N, C-alpha and C. Protein backbone atom coordinates (compact mmCIF):
# COMPACT_ATOMS: atom_id res chain seq x y z
N MET A 1 115.39 56.85 95.23
CA MET A 1 114.88 56.61 93.74
C MET A 1 113.19 56.83 94.31
N LYS A 2 112.67 57.73 94.01
CA LYS A 2 111.27 57.98 94.65
C LYS A 2 110.25 56.87 93.99
N ARG A 3 109.39 55.96 94.52
CA ARG A 3 108.26 54.97 94.48
C ARG A 3 107.25 55.86 94.05
N ILE A 4 106.72 55.45 92.81
CA ILE A 4 105.61 56.50 92.30
C ILE A 4 104.25 55.37 91.70
N ALA A 5 103.04 55.48 92.47
CA ALA A 5 102.05 54.56 92.01
C ALA A 5 101.10 54.75 91.08
N LEU A 6 100.57 54.08 90.29
CA LEU A 6 99.36 55.22 89.50
C LEU A 6 98.33 53.53 89.58
N GLY A 7 97.25 54.82 89.26
CA GLY A 7 95.85 53.93 89.22
C GLY A 7 94.80 54.83 88.12
N SER A 8 94.15 53.95 87.61
CA SER A 8 93.23 54.48 86.72
C SER A 8 91.69 53.84 86.63
N ASP A 9 91.04 54.07 85.78
CA ASP A 9 90.08 53.55 85.84
C ASP A 9 89.98 53.30 84.24
N HIS A 10 88.87 53.04 83.19
CA HIS A 10 89.21 52.65 81.51
C HIS A 10 89.24 54.22 80.84
N ALA A 11 88.66 54.90 81.36
CA ALA A 11 88.55 56.07 81.03
C ALA A 11 90.01 57.05 80.91
N GLY A 12 90.66 56.45 82.23
CA GLY A 12 92.47 57.00 82.02
C GLY A 12 93.81 56.17 82.06
N TYR A 13 93.40 54.79 81.34
CA TYR A 13 94.13 53.77 81.46
C TYR A 13 95.32 54.33 79.96
N LYS A 14 94.72 54.88 79.27
CA LYS A 14 96.02 55.00 77.96
C LYS A 14 96.44 56.35 78.30
N LEU A 15 96.64 57.45 78.84
CA LEU A 15 97.05 58.38 79.50
C LEU A 15 98.19 57.84 80.98
N LYS A 16 97.59 56.91 81.68
CA LYS A 16 98.30 56.26 82.20
C LYS A 16 99.66 55.24 82.58
N GLU A 17 99.18 54.79 81.20
CA GLU A 17 100.29 53.61 80.03
C GLU A 17 101.05 54.52 79.91
N ARG A 18 100.93 56.12 79.19
CA ARG A 18 101.93 57.06 78.84
C ARG A 18 102.51 57.76 79.53
N ILE A 19 102.29 57.52 80.81
CA ILE A 19 102.89 58.39 81.90
C ILE A 19 103.60 57.20 82.71
N LYS A 20 103.56 56.15 82.48
CA LYS A 20 103.81 55.27 83.41
C LYS A 20 105.44 55.17 81.86
N ASP A 21 105.76 54.49 81.58
CA ASP A 21 106.48 55.07 80.34
C ASP A 21 107.25 55.98 80.55
N TYR A 22 106.90 56.77 80.91
CA TYR A 22 107.44 58.50 81.15
C TYR A 22 107.97 58.53 82.48
N LEU A 23 107.64 58.11 83.31
CA LEU A 23 108.43 57.84 84.16
C LEU A 23 109.49 56.55 84.72
N LYS A 24 109.33 55.57 83.89
CA LYS A 24 110.14 54.87 84.10
C LYS A 24 111.45 55.15 82.95
N SER A 25 111.13 56.06 82.02
CA SER A 25 112.20 56.50 81.39
C SER A 25 113.13 57.82 82.36
N LYS A 26 112.31 57.82 83.30
CA LYS A 26 113.05 59.10 84.15
C LYS A 26 113.93 58.55 85.76
N ALA A 27 113.79 57.18 84.99
CA ALA A 27 114.40 55.92 86.50
C ALA A 27 113.83 56.00 87.39
N TYR A 28 112.39 56.20 87.34
CA TYR A 28 111.25 56.18 88.64
C TYR A 28 111.00 55.06 89.24
N ALA A 29 110.50 54.50 89.95
CA ALA A 29 110.27 53.32 90.12
C ALA A 29 108.85 53.30 90.11
N VAL A 30 107.95 52.49 89.53
CA VAL A 30 106.48 52.90 89.44
C VAL A 30 105.67 51.27 89.29
N VAL A 31 104.67 52.04 90.18
CA VAL A 31 103.67 50.49 90.88
C VAL A 31 102.32 50.60 90.44
N ASP A 32 102.04 49.77 89.80
CA ASP A 32 100.78 50.21 88.38
C ASP A 32 99.77 49.36 89.14
N TYR A 33 98.72 50.13 89.61
CA TYR A 33 97.54 49.23 90.31
C TYR A 33 95.79 49.09 89.66
N GLY A 34 96.42 49.23 88.23
CA GLY A 34 94.83 49.16 87.58
C GLY A 34 94.54 50.23 86.78
N THR A 35 93.61 50.11 86.24
CA THR A 35 93.11 48.84 85.44
C THR A 35 94.21 48.74 84.37
N ASN A 36 93.88 47.48 83.92
CA ASN A 36 94.99 47.26 82.92
C ASN A 36 93.98 46.99 81.50
N SER A 37 93.34 47.79 81.07
CA SER A 37 92.69 47.88 79.91
C SER A 37 91.73 49.06 79.69
N ASP A 38 90.78 49.52 78.47
CA ASP A 38 90.07 50.29 78.63
C ASP A 38 88.44 49.88 78.72
N GLU A 39 88.06 48.22 79.20
CA GLU A 39 87.43 47.80 79.58
C GLU A 39 86.47 48.55 80.80
N PRO A 40 85.01 49.30 80.53
CA PRO A 40 84.55 49.63 81.80
C PRO A 40 84.79 48.94 83.03
N VAL A 41 85.11 49.53 84.26
CA VAL A 41 85.14 49.60 85.28
C VAL A 41 85.20 50.18 86.44
N ASP A 42 85.03 49.81 87.85
CA ASP A 42 84.32 51.37 88.49
C ASP A 42 86.00 51.85 89.82
N TYR A 43 85.55 53.05 88.98
CA TYR A 43 87.20 53.83 89.45
C TYR A 43 87.97 53.32 91.07
N PRO A 44 86.97 53.42 92.03
CA PRO A 44 87.07 53.39 93.03
C PRO A 44 88.07 52.53 93.34
N ASP A 45 87.53 50.81 92.88
CA ASP A 45 88.59 49.99 92.99
C ASP A 45 90.08 50.13 92.87
N TYR A 46 89.86 50.69 91.87
CA TYR A 46 91.79 51.07 91.69
C TYR A 46 92.49 52.05 91.79
N ILE A 47 91.65 53.16 92.38
CA ILE A 47 91.86 54.25 92.83
C ILE A 47 92.49 54.36 94.26
N ARG A 48 91.38 53.54 95.51
CA ARG A 48 91.43 53.40 96.58
C ARG A 48 93.02 52.23 97.09
N PRO A 49 93.32 51.60 96.42
CA PRO A 49 94.12 50.63 96.85
C PRO A 49 96.06 51.79 96.44
N THR A 50 95.46 52.45 95.07
CA THR A 50 96.76 53.84 94.74
C THR A 50 96.88 54.07 95.73
N ALA A 51 95.72 55.00 96.66
CA ALA A 51 96.21 55.85 97.62
C ALA A 51 96.43 55.40 99.03
N GLU A 52 95.89 54.20 99.27
CA GLU A 52 96.29 53.50 100.14
C GLU A 52 97.90 53.10 100.58
N SER A 53 98.24 52.98 99.56
CA SER A 53 100.09 52.59 99.45
C SER A 53 100.78 53.89 99.12
N VAL A 54 100.15 54.90 99.34
CA VAL A 54 100.98 56.19 99.18
C VAL A 54 100.61 56.32 100.80
N SER A 55 99.37 56.43 101.65
CA SER A 55 99.33 56.48 102.94
C SER A 55 100.10 56.54 103.61
N ASN A 56 100.04 54.63 103.32
CA ASN A 56 100.30 53.81 104.20
C ASN A 56 102.23 53.70 104.55
N GLY A 57 102.69 54.38 103.04
CA GLY A 57 104.36 54.81 102.62
C GLY A 57 104.92 53.66 101.99
N GLU A 58 104.27 52.47 101.18
CA GLU A 58 104.51 51.50 100.49
C GLU A 58 105.29 52.35 99.54
N ASN A 59 104.56 53.93 98.60
CA ASN A 59 105.03 54.54 97.96
C ASN A 59 105.62 55.65 98.27
N ASP A 60 106.07 56.52 97.45
CA ASP A 60 106.18 57.81 98.13
C ASP A 60 105.27 59.15 97.79
N LEU A 61 104.94 58.86 96.40
CA LEU A 61 103.85 59.47 95.87
C LEU A 61 102.59 58.89 95.23
N GLY A 62 101.68 59.16 94.40
CA GLY A 62 100.95 59.00 93.95
C GLY A 62 100.44 59.54 92.29
N ILE A 63 99.90 58.99 91.41
CA ILE A 63 99.21 59.72 90.37
C ILE A 63 97.92 58.77 89.92
N VAL A 64 97.08 59.26 89.68
CA VAL A 64 95.44 58.49 89.01
C VAL A 64 95.02 59.73 88.21
N PHE A 65 94.38 58.52 87.56
CA PHE A 65 93.72 58.64 86.19
C PHE A 65 92.26 58.66 85.87
N GLY A 66 91.49 59.42 84.78
CA GLY A 66 90.01 59.15 84.71
C GLY A 66 89.72 59.97 83.64
N GLY A 67 88.71 59.84 83.32
CA GLY A 67 87.99 60.35 82.30
C GLY A 67 88.49 62.54 82.29
N SER A 68 88.05 62.75 83.61
CA SER A 68 88.13 64.00 84.00
C SER A 68 89.58 64.59 85.21
N GLY A 69 89.69 62.96 86.01
CA GLY A 69 89.79 62.92 87.35
C GLY A 69 89.70 63.90 88.94
N ASN A 70 88.00 63.88 88.30
CA ASN A 70 87.88 64.45 89.70
C ASN A 70 86.95 63.26 90.47
N GLY A 71 86.60 62.45 89.96
CA GLY A 71 86.19 61.44 91.29
C GLY A 71 87.08 60.87 91.66
N GLU A 72 88.08 60.77 90.84
CA GLU A 72 89.79 60.07 91.00
C GLU A 72 90.60 60.86 92.28
N ALA A 73 90.39 61.86 92.17
CA ALA A 73 90.79 63.15 93.34
C ALA A 73 90.13 62.91 94.37
N MET A 74 88.40 62.96 94.42
CA MET A 74 87.73 62.33 95.70
C MET A 74 87.66 60.93 96.31
N VAL A 75 87.89 59.81 95.56
CA VAL A 75 88.39 58.95 96.38
C VAL A 75 89.49 58.90 96.88
N ALA A 76 90.80 59.45 96.34
CA ALA A 76 92.20 59.44 96.62
C ALA A 76 91.85 59.99 97.84
N ASN A 77 91.09 61.40 98.58
CA ASN A 77 91.27 62.70 99.30
C ASN A 77 90.37 61.80 100.87
N LYS A 78 89.84 60.74 100.64
CA LYS A 78 88.58 59.95 101.19
C LYS A 78 89.82 59.04 102.00
N VAL A 79 91.46 58.58 101.43
CA VAL A 79 92.24 58.19 102.22
C VAL A 79 92.91 58.72 102.99
N LYS A 80 93.26 58.63 104.36
CA LYS A 80 93.74 59.61 105.33
C LYS A 80 95.24 59.43 104.64
N ARG A 81 95.53 60.58 105.36
CA ARG A 81 97.02 61.62 104.90
C ARG A 81 97.34 61.62 103.15
N ILE A 82 96.32 61.44 102.43
CA ILE A 82 96.16 61.84 101.46
C ILE A 82 96.07 63.10 100.75
N ARG A 83 96.74 63.67 100.15
CA ARG A 83 96.36 65.45 99.83
C ARG A 83 96.53 65.23 97.77
N CYS A 84 95.68 65.17 97.36
CA CYS A 84 95.53 64.93 96.05
C CYS A 84 94.81 65.99 95.28
N GLY A 85 95.75 66.51 94.37
CA GLY A 85 95.36 67.88 93.68
C GLY A 85 94.91 67.20 92.43
N LEU A 86 93.63 68.22 91.91
CA LEU A 86 93.51 67.81 91.02
C LEU A 86 93.71 68.65 89.33
N CYS A 87 94.76 68.60 88.96
CA CYS A 87 95.43 69.40 87.89
C CYS A 87 95.09 69.31 86.49
N TRP A 88 95.61 70.59 85.88
CA TRP A 88 94.67 70.60 84.72
C TRP A 88 95.96 71.53 83.62
N ASN A 89 96.62 71.89 84.44
CA ASN A 89 98.33 72.65 83.64
C ASN A 89 99.13 72.78 84.93
N GLU A 90 100.43 72.86 84.21
CA GLU A 90 101.29 73.43 84.85
C GLU A 90 101.20 73.84 85.57
N GLU A 91 101.09 75.56 85.94
CA GLU A 91 100.87 76.05 87.21
C GLU A 91 99.66 75.44 88.70
N SER A 92 98.91 74.22 88.38
CA SER A 92 98.09 74.43 88.80
C SER A 92 98.91 73.16 89.56
N ALA A 93 99.65 71.97 89.00
CA ALA A 93 99.98 71.07 89.25
C ALA A 93 101.76 71.42 90.60
N ARG A 94 102.50 72.63 89.93
CA ARG A 94 103.15 73.20 90.99
C ARG A 94 102.50 73.86 92.09
N LEU A 95 101.62 74.67 92.24
CA LEU A 95 100.91 75.49 93.38
C LEU A 95 100.37 74.20 94.19
N THR A 96 99.86 72.85 93.86
CA THR A 96 99.60 72.03 94.51
C THR A 96 100.59 71.15 95.75
N LYS A 97 101.72 71.39 95.00
CA LYS A 97 103.01 71.14 95.68
C LYS A 97 103.72 72.09 96.87
N GLU A 98 103.76 73.14 96.06
CA GLU A 98 104.49 74.19 97.18
C GLU A 98 103.05 74.77 98.12
N HIS A 99 101.93 74.62 97.76
CA HIS A 99 100.96 75.12 98.72
C HIS A 99 100.43 73.94 99.23
N ASN A 100 100.20 73.14 99.06
CA ASN A 100 99.59 72.29 99.23
C ASN A 100 100.18 70.46 100.48
N ASN A 101 101.27 70.70 99.53
CA ASN A 101 101.93 69.38 99.69
C ASN A 101 101.45 68.22 99.36
N ALA A 102 100.73 67.94 98.07
CA ALA A 102 99.96 67.29 97.82
C ALA A 102 101.27 65.84 97.16
N ASN A 103 100.54 65.01 97.76
CA ASN A 103 101.32 63.40 97.73
C ASN A 103 100.92 62.64 96.57
N MET A 104 99.53 63.08 95.91
CA MET A 104 99.04 62.38 94.84
C MET A 104 98.62 63.72 94.18
N ILE A 105 98.39 63.67 92.59
CA ILE A 105 97.99 64.30 91.88
C ILE A 105 96.69 63.15 91.20
N ALA A 106 95.71 64.05 90.19
CA ALA A 106 94.82 63.27 89.65
C ALA A 106 95.13 64.10 88.13
N LEU A 107 94.70 63.24 87.27
CA LEU A 107 94.70 63.95 85.75
C LEU A 107 93.53 63.30 84.89
N GLY A 108 93.03 63.97 83.95
CA GLY A 108 91.99 63.27 83.12
C GLY A 108 91.98 63.47 81.83
N GLU A 109 92.11 61.98 81.70
CA GLU A 109 92.92 61.59 79.85
C GLU A 109 91.88 62.30 78.95
N ARG A 110 90.83 62.91 79.19
CA ARG A 110 89.60 63.69 78.66
C ARG A 110 90.05 65.03 78.26
N MET A 111 90.67 65.60 79.12
CA MET A 111 91.00 67.17 79.67
C MET A 111 92.25 67.33 78.91
N LEU A 112 93.01 66.30 78.65
CA LEU A 112 94.56 66.74 78.80
C LEU A 112 95.11 65.76 77.24
N SER A 113 95.92 66.75 76.77
CA SER A 113 96.84 65.76 75.95
C SER A 113 97.85 65.02 76.60
N GLU A 114 98.65 64.38 75.84
CA GLU A 114 99.67 63.67 76.27
C GLU A 114 100.44 64.55 76.61
N GLU A 115 101.20 65.20 75.85
CA GLU A 115 102.31 66.08 76.49
C GLU A 115 101.87 67.60 77.63
N GLU A 116 100.70 67.90 77.82
CA GLU A 116 100.40 68.40 78.90
C GLU A 116 100.80 67.61 79.71
N ALA A 117 100.38 66.47 79.70
CA ALA A 117 100.58 65.38 81.03
C ALA A 117 101.47 65.46 81.42
N VAL A 118 102.57 65.00 80.47
CA VAL A 118 104.04 65.32 80.91
C VAL A 118 104.04 66.15 81.65
N ARG A 119 104.11 67.33 80.87
CA ARG A 119 104.29 68.74 81.43
C ARG A 119 103.60 68.90 82.34
N ILE A 120 102.30 68.72 83.27
CA ILE A 120 102.14 68.52 84.50
C ILE A 120 102.62 68.08 85.30
N VAL A 121 103.17 66.43 85.18
CA VAL A 121 103.68 66.03 85.74
C VAL A 121 105.45 66.49 86.58
N ASP A 122 105.69 66.63 85.42
CA ASP A 122 107.54 67.25 85.74
C ASP A 122 106.93 68.51 86.83
N ALA A 123 106.38 69.54 85.93
CA ALA A 123 105.94 70.74 86.96
C ALA A 123 105.80 70.31 88.45
N TRP A 124 104.83 68.99 89.11
CA TRP A 124 104.44 68.26 90.17
C TRP A 124 105.51 67.86 90.90
N LEU A 125 106.31 67.39 90.02
CA LEU A 125 107.50 66.26 90.64
C LEU A 125 108.98 67.50 90.57
N ASN A 126 108.73 68.47 90.09
CA ASN A 126 110.33 69.11 90.04
C ASN A 126 109.58 70.70 91.16
N ALA A 127 108.46 70.37 91.83
CA ALA A 127 108.44 71.26 92.82
C ALA A 127 108.47 70.97 94.01
N GLU A 128 108.59 71.94 95.12
CA GLU A 128 109.12 71.64 96.42
C GLU A 128 108.25 72.40 97.64
N PHE A 129 107.50 71.98 98.44
CA PHE A 129 106.39 72.19 99.56
C PHE A 129 107.49 73.45 100.18
N GLN A 130 106.82 74.77 99.60
CA GLN A 130 107.18 76.42 101.03
C GLN A 130 106.98 75.92 101.95
N GLY A 131 106.38 74.95 102.79
CA GLY A 131 106.13 74.98 104.08
C GLY A 131 105.67 76.71 104.60
N GLY A 132 106.54 77.05 105.83
CA GLY A 132 105.70 78.35 106.33
C GLY A 132 104.36 78.14 106.11
N ARG A 133 103.89 79.14 105.72
CA ARG A 133 102.58 80.15 106.44
C ARG A 133 101.51 78.52 105.56
N HIS A 134 101.92 77.89 105.24
CA HIS A 134 101.11 76.68 104.09
C HIS A 134 101.23 75.60 104.74
N LEU A 135 102.57 75.29 105.99
CA LEU A 135 102.50 74.47 106.78
C LEU A 135 101.03 73.88 107.71
N LYS A 136 101.18 75.61 108.40
CA LYS A 136 100.11 75.67 109.41
C LYS A 136 98.57 75.46 108.66
N ARG A 137 98.15 75.25 107.69
CA ARG A 137 97.24 74.83 106.86
C ARG A 137 96.76 73.45 106.51
N ILE A 138 97.86 72.87 106.43
CA ILE A 138 98.58 71.21 106.14
C ILE A 138 98.06 70.29 107.55
N GLU A 139 98.75 71.28 108.70
CA GLU A 139 98.78 70.61 109.77
C GLU A 139 97.02 70.72 110.26
N LYS A 140 96.41 71.58 109.63
CA LYS A 140 95.08 71.64 110.30
C LYS A 140 94.05 70.64 109.18
N ILE A 141 94.77 70.05 108.10
CA ILE A 141 93.93 69.45 106.80
C ILE A 141 94.21 67.96 107.86
N GLU A 142 95.43 67.48 108.25
CA GLU A 142 95.76 66.49 108.93
C GLU A 142 94.91 66.39 110.20
N SER A 143 94.79 67.27 110.61
CA SER A 143 94.40 67.18 112.06
C SER A 143 93.19 66.67 112.32
N ARG A 144 92.43 66.83 111.28
CA ARG A 144 91.19 66.21 110.81
C ARG A 144 90.60 65.12 109.47
N ASP A 145 92.41 64.73 109.78
CA ASP A 145 91.38 63.44 108.59
C ASP A 145 91.00 61.88 109.73
N SER A 146 90.15 61.35 109.45
CA SER A 146 89.62 60.23 110.22
C SER A 146 89.74 59.12 109.94
């Protein structure tokens, strides 16, 4: 069973809760790094621990949530071994796994309906890394991690 880490700021809290329930209904193990309300918080305080848990192998994958998802993707991608793709539709989610082997995705609650977000998460979880010409590119990203 895959372990999926979730983290959000206040602007992504409601979507995080919806996706958490959905993942649990699909028998994924879910670890929630907060936040736990829609009271204003600073997103790095929640996104960095979420990404670190994926980087260190405590969790297999991660999903982070914000208003747009941009800041959350930026924070996650500062963590070594993280490849977090900002996803806005099913195709972007599928390609971020197939071509970039993304181990995390970022979603914007203000940008997506809950139904779209569920479809995006499914597309990402069901996609497979294609390897081949993409592997060389991933290796170049990893070799420059600091």
